[in-house]
Amino acid sequence: MLATAQRLRRSADFAAAIRGGRRAGRGTVVVHLLLEEPAQAPAARAGFVVSKAVGNAVIRNKVRRRLRHLVRPLLGELPTGSTLVVRALPAAAEASSATLGTDLSAALASARKPRRPR
């Protein structure tokens, strides 16, 4: 479990991260990262989206638990006030924990890179 202060609960928080954050995807996950001012939130927070396309309720909960376990140490590396939404893709149901971890780390690193000017 994530600490209460680290969990996203309101749909408005999810929507803000998805609409206003940086998006990066890999084979099993898509990451939406919203970097905000530290004064607005005391700690980095995370939320998970695992749709029915991933599998039945047992599979979805298993994927969510595995992702939560992988995100927990990564939240400490994010700046305070960050909002992270991890969306599992259907391939996450069959992926190993190592693959999920690699995809999650790579997507998060990509989302943290500064944007290039157009």
Protein backbone atom coordinates (compact mmCIF):
# COMPACT_ATOMS: atom_id res chain seq x y z
CA MET A 1 0.00 0.00 0.00
CA LEU A 2 0.99 3.56 -0.58
CA ALA A 3 0.79 6.01 2.29
CA THR A 4 -2.41 8.05 2.39
CA ALA A 5 -0.58 11.24 1.42
CA GLN A 6 0.85 9.50 -1.67
CA ARG A 7 -2.47 8.27 -3.14
CA LEU A 8 -4.58 9.93 -5.80
CA ARG A 9 -8.25 9.58 -4.97
CA ARG A 10 -10.27 12.28 -6.73
CA SER A 11 -11.14 11.99 -10.39
CA ALA A 12 -10.21 15.66 -10.82
CA ASP A 13 -6.63 14.83 -9.80
CA PHE A 14 -6.48 12.01 -12.33
CA ALA A 15 -7.93 14.25 -15.05
CA ALA A 16 -5.46 17.06 -14.31
CA ALA A 17 -2.49 14.71 -14.58
CA ILE A 18 -3.75 13.09 -17.79
CA ARG A 19 -4.69 16.37 -19.49
CA GLY A 20 -1.87 18.60 -18.29
CA GLY A 21 0.99 16.20 -17.65
CA ARG A 22 3.69 14.72 -19.81
CA ARG A 23 2.87 11.35 -21.33
CA ALA A 24 5.28 8.53 -22.08
CA GLY A 25 4.42 5.00 -23.03
CA ARG A 26 6.18 1.67 -23.22
CA GLY A 27 4.99 -1.85 -24.02
CA THR A 28 3.02 -2.50 -20.84
CA VAL A 29 2.32 0.93 -19.29
CA VAL A 30 1.62 4.56 -20.10
CA VAL A 31 2.77 7.17 -17.59
CA HIS A 32 1.27 10.64 -17.15
CA LEU A 33 3.45 12.93 -15.02
CA LEU A 34 2.35 16.38 -13.89
CA LEU A 35 5.09 18.45 -12.28
CA GLU A 36 3.65 21.26 -10.15
CA GLU A 37 4.93 23.79 -7.67
CA PRO A 38 6.06 22.25 -4.37
CA ALA A 39 3.82 24.60 -2.34
CA GLN A 40 0.63 22.99 -3.66
CA ALA A 41 1.19 19.44 -2.44
CA PRO A 42 3.52 18.14 0.27
CA ALA A 43 4.52 14.88 -1.42
CA ALA A 44 4.53 13.17 -4.79
CA ARG A 45 1.30 11.26 -5.36
CA ALA A 46 0.40 8.32 -7.60
CA GLY A 47 -2.73 6.74 -9.01
CA PHE A 48 -3.39 3.71 -11.20
CA VAL A 49 -5.76 3.04 -14.08
CA VAL A 50 -6.29 -0.61 -14.99
CA SER A 51 -9.20 -1.07 -17.39
CA LYS A 52 -11.25 -4.15 -18.19
CA ALA A 53 -9.18 -4.58 -21.34
CA VAL A 54 -6.37 -5.87 -19.10
CA GLY A 55 -8.44 -8.78 -17.81
CA ASN A 56 -10.99 -9.84 -15.26
CA ALA A 57 -11.12 -8.40 -11.73
CA VAL A 58 -8.55 -10.85 -10.36
CA ILE A 59 -6.03 -10.01 -13.09
CA ARG A 60 -6.67 -6.25 -12.81
CA ASN A 61 -6.09 -6.27 -9.06
CA LYS A 62 -2.95 -8.36 -9.47
CA VAL A 63 -1.56 -5.89 -12.03
CA ARG A 64 -2.48 -2.94 -9.80
CA ARG A 65 -0.72 -4.51 -6.79
CA ARG A 66 2.41 -5.22 -8.85
CA LEU A 67 2.49 -1.66 -10.21
CA ARG A 68 1.94 -0.17 -6.77
CA HIS A 69 4.88 -2.20 -5.45
CA LEU A 70 7.09 -0.93 -8.29
CA VAL A 71 6.01 2.72 -7.96
CA ARG A 72 6.51 3.00 -4.20
CA PRO A 73 10.33 3.46 -4.31
CA LEU A 74 10.13 5.69 -7.40
CA LEU A 75 7.89 8.25 -5.68
CA GLY A 76 10.74 9.32 -3.44
CA GLU A 77 12.77 10.32 -6.50
CA LEU A 78 10.06 12.61 -7.89
CA PRO A 79 9.91 16.28 -6.91
CA THR A 80 7.38 17.23 -4.24
CA GLY A 81 4.03 18.21 -5.71
CA SER A 82 4.30 15.75 -8.60
CA THR A 83 1.28 13.77 -9.71
CA LEU A 84 1.84 10.41 -11.40
CA VAL A 85 -0.83 8.36 -13.14
CA VAL A 86 0.16 4.89 -14.36
CA ARG A 87 -2.17 3.32 -16.93
CA ALA A 88 -1.72 -0.41 -17.50
CA LEU A 89 -2.01 -1.69 -21.06
CA PRO A 90 -3.43 -5.16 -21.85
CA ALA A 91 0.11 -6.56 -22.23
CA ALA A 92 0.69 -5.88 -18.50
CA ALA A 93 -1.46 -8.89 -17.57
CA GLU A 94 1.04 -11.37 -19.02
CA ALA A 95 4.24 -9.39 -18.36
CA SER A 96 6.77 -10.40 -15.73
CA SER A 97 7.56 -8.09 -12.83
CA ALA A 98 10.97 -7.39 -14.37
CA THR A 99 9.36 -6.29 -17.63
CA LEU A 100 6.83 -4.11 -15.81
CA GLY A 101 9.63 -2.53 -13.77
CA THR A 102 11.76 -1.85 -16.82
CA ASP A 103 8.86 -0.35 -18.78
CA LEU A 104 7.77 1.76 -15.81
CA SER A 105 11.27 3.12 -15.18
CA ALA A 106 11.86 3.88 -18.87
CA ALA A 107 8.49 5.62 -19.27
CA LEU A 108 9.00 7.67 -16.11
CA ALA A 109 12.50 8.70 -17.22
CA SER A 110 11.13 9.73 -20.59
CA ALA A 111 8.33 11.77 -19.00
CA ARG A 112 10.81 13.56 -16.74
CA LYS A 113 12.99 14.76 -19.63
CA PRO A 114 12.58 18.44 -20.46
CA ARG A 115 10.51 19.15 -23.54
CA ARG A 116 12.25 20.24 -26.68
CA PRO A 117 11.13 23.54 -28.20
CA ARG A 118 9.31 23.22 -31.51
